Amino acid sequence: MRPLQLSPETAVELAKKLNVPLEELMHMPKHILVRKMMELEASKTEPNEEKETE
C-alpha cells in the first residue's frame, strides 16, 4: 500500500485533529481516513444542531 499523497502541513494538521500518530495516518487506507474525517465533522456539527432545536 502506498502512503497517502498529502502535503506535510496537511498531514501534521490531520494527525493532530484525528488524534493519531503521523506515521499511522500516512499509512492509513484512504477509506478509513475518509470515515474518520466524516466522524470528526459530524461531532463538530452535532452540538450546533442541538442548540438550534432548543
PDB file of N, CA and C in Angstrom:
ATOM      1  N   MET A   1       0.841  -1.177   0.000  1.00  0.00           N
ATOM      2  CA  MET A   1       0.000   0.000   0.000  1.00  0.00           C
ATOM      3  C   MET A   1       0.889   1.244   0.000  1.00  0.00           C
ATOM      4  N   ARG A   2       0.570   2.182  -0.878  1.00  0.00           N
ATOM      5  CA  ARG A   2       1.327   3.433  -0.948  1.00  0.00           C
ATOM      6  C   ARG A   2       0.898   4.373   0.162  1.00  0.00           C
ATOM      7  N   PRO A   3       1.828   5.167   0.678  1.00  0.00           N
ATOM      8  CA  PRO A   3       1.425   6.207   1.645  1.00  0.00           C
ATOM      9  C   PRO A   3       0.499   7.211   0.964  1.00  0.00           C
ATOM     10  N   LEU A   4      -0.323   7.858   1.762  1.00  0.00           N
ATOM     11  CA  LEU A   4      -1.233   8.874   1.221  1.00  0.00           C
ATOM     12  C   LEU A   4      -0.442  10.013   0.608  1.00  0.00           C
ATOM     13  N   GLN A   5      -0.989  10.610  -0.411  1.00  0.00           N
ATOM     14  CA  GLN A   5      -0.352  11.723  -1.085  1.00  0.00           C
ATOM     15  C   GLN A   5      -0.847  13.035  -0.474  1.00  0.00           C
ATOM     16  N   LEU A   6      -0.276  13.392   0.671  1.00  0.00           N
ATOM     17  CA  LEU A   6      -0.644  14.617   1.387  1.00  0.00           C
ATOM     18  C   LEU A   6       0.574  15.502   1.547  1.00  0.00           C
ATOM     19  N   SER A   7       0.342  16.804   1.580  1.00  0.00           N
ATOM     20  CA  SER A   7       1.446  17.703   1.875  1.00  0.00           C
ATOM     21  C   SER A   7       1.827  17.526   3.345  1.00  0.00           C
ATOM     22  N   PRO A   8       3.069  17.826   3.699  1.00  0.00           N
ATOM     23  CA  PRO A   8       3.490  17.676   5.097  1.00  0.00           C
ATOM     24  C   PRO A   8       2.630  18.485   6.064  1.00  0.00           C
ATOM     25  N   GLU A   9       2.260  19.694   5.672  1.00  0.00           N
ATOM     26  CA  GLU A   9       1.444  20.538   6.547  1.00  0.00           C
ATOM     27  C   GLU A   9       0.068  19.924   6.778  1.00  0.00           C
ATOM     28  N   THR A  10      -0.533  19.418   5.711  1.00  0.00           N
ATOM     29  CA  THR A  10      -1.850  18.797   5.817  1.00  0.00           C
ATOM     30  C   THR A  10      -1.787  17.545   6.671  1.00  0.00           C
ATOM     31  N   ALA A  11      -0.746  16.749   6.471  1.00  0.00           N
ATOM     32  CA  ALA A  11      -0.599  15.509   7.237  1.00  0.00           C
ATOM     33  C   ALA A  11      -0.469  15.797   8.727  1.00  0.00           C
ATOM     34  N   VAL A  12       0.329  16.775   9.091  1.00  0.00           N
ATOM     35  CA  VAL A  12       0.516  17.115  10.507  1.00  0.00           C
ATOM     36  C   VAL A  12      -0.789  17.624  11.106  1.00  0.00           C
ATOM     37  N   GLU A  13      -1.490  18.476  10.380  1.00  0.00           N
ATOM     38  CA  GLU A  13      -2.758  19.024  10.874  1.00  0.00           C
ATOM     39  C   GLU A  13      -3.806  17.924  11.052  1.00  0.00           C
ATOM     40  N   LEU A  14      -3.913  17.029  10.078  1.00  0.00           N
ATOM     41  CA  LEU A  14      -4.877  15.931  10.182  1.00  0.00           C
ATOM     42  C   LEU A  14      -4.538  14.998  11.335  1.00  0.00           C
ATOM     43  N   ALA A  15      -3.268  14.705  11.516  1.00  0.00           N
ATOM     44  CA  ALA A  15      -2.861  13.821  12.607  1.00  0.00           C
ATOM     45  C   ALA A  15      -3.258  14.417  13.951  1.00  0.00           C
ATOM     46  N   LYS A  16      -3.087  15.716  14.111  1.00  0.00           N
ATOM     47  CA  LYS A  16      -3.481  16.374  15.363  1.00  0.00           C
ATOM     48  C   LYS A  16      -4.989  16.335  15.556  1.00  0.00           C
ATOM     49  N   LYS A  17      -5.741  16.665  14.504  1.00  0.00           N
ATOM     50  CA  LYS A  17      -7.200  16.713  14.621  1.00  0.00           C
ATOM     51  C   LYS A  17      -7.806  15.339  14.857  1.00  0.00           C
ATOM     52  N   LEU A  18      -7.236  14.315  14.208  1.00  0.00           N
ATOM     53  CA  LEU A  18      -7.771  12.960  14.345  1.00  0.00           C
ATOM     54  C   LEU A  18      -7.175  12.220  15.537  1.00  0.00           C
ATOM     55  N   ASN A  19      -6.179  12.832  16.168  1.00  0.00           N
ATOM     56  CA  ASN A  19      -5.537  12.248  17.342  1.00  0.00           C
ATOM     57  C   ASN A  19      -4.921  10.873  17.033  1.00  0.00           C
ATOM     58  N   VAL A  20      -4.187  10.815  15.915  1.00  0.00           N
ATOM     59  CA  VAL A  20      -3.467   9.602  15.544  1.00  0.00           C
ATOM     60  C   VAL A  20      -2.014   9.980  15.254  1.00  0.00           C
ATOM     61  N   PRO A  21      -1.085   9.047  15.467  1.00  0.00           N
ATOM     62  CA  PRO A  21       0.315   9.338  15.135  1.00  0.00           C
ATOM     63  C   PRO A  21       0.466   9.607  13.633  1.00  0.00           C
ATOM     64  N   LEU A  22       1.404  10.463  13.294  1.00  0.00           N
ATOM     65  CA  LEU A  22       1.618  10.865  11.905  1.00  0.00           C
ATOM     66  C   LEU A  22       1.924   9.661  11.014  1.00  0.00           C
ATOM     67  N   GLU A  23       2.769   8.764  11.482  1.00  0.00           N
ATOM     68  CA  GLU A  23       3.119   7.590  10.682  1.00  0.00           C
ATOM     69  C   GLU A  23       1.886   6.723  10.408  1.00  0.00           C
ATOM     70  N   GLU A  24       1.049   6.566  11.416  1.00  0.00           N
ATOM     71  CA  GLU A  24      -0.183   5.782  11.240  1.00  0.00           C
ATOM     72  C   GLU A  24      -1.099   6.449  10.220  1.00  0.00           C
ATOM     73  N   LEU A  25      -1.191   7.758  10.280  1.00  0.00           N
ATOM     74  CA  LEU A  25      -2.033   8.491   9.332  1.00  0.00           C
ATOM     75  C   LEU A  25      -1.544   8.289   7.908  1.00  0.00           C
ATOM     76  N   MET A  26      -0.241   8.365   7.693  1.00  0.00           N
ATOM     77  CA  MET A  26       0.306   8.262   6.347  1.00  0.00           C
ATOM     78  C   MET A  26       0.095   6.880   5.732  1.00  0.00           C
ATOM     79  N   HIS A  27      -0.026   5.857   6.548  1.00  0.00           N
ATOM     80  CA  HIS A  27      -0.209   4.500   6.032  1.00  0.00           C
ATOM     81  C   HIS A  27      -1.639   4.003   6.203  1.00  0.00           C
ATOM     82  N   MET A  28      -2.530   4.900   6.589  1.00  0.00           N
ATOM     83  CA  MET A  28      -3.934   4.542   6.789  1.00  0.00           C
ATOM     84  C   MET A  28      -4.609   4.396   5.429  1.00  0.00           C
ATOM     85  N   PRO A  29      -5.411   3.354   5.239  1.00  0.00           N
ATOM     86  CA  PRO A  29      -6.161   3.241   3.981  1.00  0.00           C
ATOM     87  C   PRO A  29      -7.074   4.449   3.788  1.00  0.00           C
ATOM     88  N   LYS A  30      -7.214   4.857   2.558  1.00  0.00           N
ATOM     89  CA  LYS A  30      -7.968   6.081   2.251  1.00  0.00           C
ATOM     90  C   LYS A  30      -9.408   6.013   2.745  1.00  0.00           C
ATOM     91  N   HIS A  31     -10.067   4.848   2.625  1.00  0.00           N
ATOM     92  CA  HIS A  31     -11.462   4.757   3.046  1.00  0.00           C
ATOM     93  C   HIS A  31     -11.602   4.922   4.561  1.00  0.00           C
ATOM     94  N   ILE A  32     -10.622   4.496   5.324  1.00  0.00           N
ATOM     95  CA  ILE A  32     -10.670   4.668   6.776  1.00  0.00           C
ATOM     96  C   ILE A  32     -10.431   6.132   7.132  1.00  0.00           C
ATOM     97  N   LEU A  33      -9.501   6.770   6.444  1.00  0.00           N
ATOM     98  CA  LEU A  33      -9.242   8.194   6.675  1.00  0.00           C
ATOM     99  C   LEU A  33     -10.489   9.019   6.384  1.00  0.00           C
ATOM    100  N   VAL A  34     -11.159   8.724   5.286  1.00  0.00           N
ATOM    101  CA  VAL A  34     -12.381   9.466   4.935  1.00  0.00           C
ATOM    102  C   VAL A  34     -13.445   9.262   6.010  1.00  0.00           C
ATOM    103  N   ARG A  35     -13.595   8.014   6.500  1.00  0.00           N
ATOM    104  CA  ARG A  35     -14.592   7.735   7.539  1.00  0.00           C
ATOM    105  C   ARG A  35     -14.268   8.517   8.812  1.00  0.00           C
ATOM    106  N   LYS A  36     -12.987   8.550   9.215  1.00  0.00           N
ATOM    107  CA  LYS A  36     -12.603   9.282  10.423  1.00  0.00           C
ATOM    108  C   LYS A  36     -12.845  10.775  10.259  1.00  0.00           C
ATOM    109  N   MET A  37     -12.584  11.303   9.074  1.00  0.00           N
ATOM    110  CA  MET A  37     -12.823  12.721   8.835  1.00  0.00           C
ATOM    111  C   MET A  37     -14.318  13.031   8.883  1.00  0.00           C
ATOM    112  N   MET A  38     -15.144  12.123   8.368  1.00  0.00           N
ATOM    113  CA  MET A  38     -16.594  12.321   8.428  1.00  0.00           C
ATOM    114  C   MET A  38     -17.079  12.281   9.874  1.00  0.00           C
ATOM    115  N   GLU A  39     -16.535  11.368  10.682  1.00  0.00           N
ATOM    116  CA  GLU A  39     -16.907  11.300  12.095  1.00  0.00           C
ATOM    117  C   GLU A  39     -16.501  12.578  12.819  1.00  0.00           C
ATOM    118  N   LEU A  40     -15.315  13.087  12.509  1.00  0.00           N
ATOM    119  CA  LEU A  40     -14.844  14.328  13.126  1.00  0.00           C
ATOM    120  C   LEU A  40     -15.769  15.484  12.764  1.00  0.00           C
ATOM    121  N   GLU A  41     -16.144  15.574  11.503  1.00  0.00           N
ATOM    122  CA  GLU A  41     -17.043  16.643  11.055  1.00  0.00           C
ATOM    123  C   GLU A  41     -18.415  16.505  11.707  1.00  0.00           C
ATOM    124  N   ALA A  42     -18.906  15.278  11.826  1.00  0.00           N
ATOM    125  CA  ALA A  42     -20.211  15.053  12.449  1.00  0.00           C
ATOM    126  C   ALA A  42     -20.180  15.461  13.918  1.00  0.00           C
ATOM    127  N   SER A  43     -19.092  15.186  14.596  1.00  0.00           N
ATOM    128  CA  SER A  43     -19.011  15.555  16.012  1.00  0.00           C
ATOM    129  C   SER A  43     -18.938  17.074  16.188  1.00  0.00           C
ATOM    130  N   LYS A  44     -18.440  17.777  15.183  1.00  0.00           N
ATOM    131  CA  LYS A  44     -18.392  19.240  15.249  1.00  0.00           C
ATOM    132  C   LYS A  44     -19.773  19.844  15.013  1.00  0.00           C
ATOM    133  N   THR A  45     -20.571  19.236  14.138  1.00  0.00           N
ATOM    134  CA  THR A  45     -21.852  19.825  13.786  1.00  0.00           C
ATOM    135  C   THR A  45     -22.970  19.426  14.742  1.00  0.00           C
ATOM    136  N   GLU A  46     -22.856  18.319  15.448  1.00  0.00           N
ATOM    137  CA  GLU A  46     -23.910  17.880  16.364  1.00  0.00           C
ATOM    138  C   GLU A  46     -24.238  18.909  17.441  1.00  0.00           C
ATOM    139  N   PRO A  47     -23.260  19.488  18.137  1.00  0.00           N
ATOM    140  CA  PRO A  47     -23.616  20.479  19.158  1.00  0.00           C
ATOM    141  C   PRO A  47     -24.346  21.691  18.564  1.00  0.00           C
ATOM    142  N   ASN A  48     -23.996  22.094  17.361  1.00  0.00           N
ATOM    143  CA  ASN A  48     -24.663  23.228  16.725  1.00  0.00           C
ATOM    144  C   ASN A  48     -26.121  22.906  16.427  1.00  0.00           C
ATOM    145  N   GLU A  49     -26.401  21.693  15.987  1.00  0.00           N
ATOM    146  CA  GLU A  49     -27.773  21.308  15.679  1.00  0.00           C
ATOM    147  C   GLU A  49     -28.628  21.260  16.945  1.00  0.00           C
ATOM    148  N   GLU A  50     -28.048  20.807  18.063  1.00  0.00           N
ATOM    149  CA  GLU A  50     -28.783  20.737  19.315  1.00  0.00           C
ATOM    150  C   GLU A  50     -29.149  22.139  19.806  1.00  0.00           C
ATOM    151  N   LYS A  51     -28.257  23.101  19.625  1.00  0.00           N
ATOM    152  CA  LYS A  51     -28.534  24.466  20.054  1.00  0.00           C
ATOM    153  C   LYS A  51     -29.670  25.081  19.249  1.00  0.00           C
ATOM    154  N   GLU A  52     -29.749  24.746  17.962  1.00  0.00           N
ATOM    155  CA  GLU A  52     -30.789  25.303  17.103  1.00  0.00           C
ATOM    156  C   GLU A  52     -32.168  24.785  17.492  1.00  0.00           C
ATOM    157  N   THR A  53     -32.249  23.531  17.976  1.00  0.00           N
ATOM    158  CA  THR A  53     -33.536  22.964  18.307  1.00  0.00           C
ATOM    159  C   THR A  53     -34.050  23.420  19.665  1.00  0.00           C
ATOM    160  N   GLU A  54     -33.204  23.931  20.501  1.00  0.00           N
ATOM    161  CA  GLU A  54     -33.613  24.378  21.842  1.00  0.00           C
ATOM    162  C   GLU A  54     -34.293  25.723  21.815  1.00  0.00           C
TER     163      GLU A  54
END
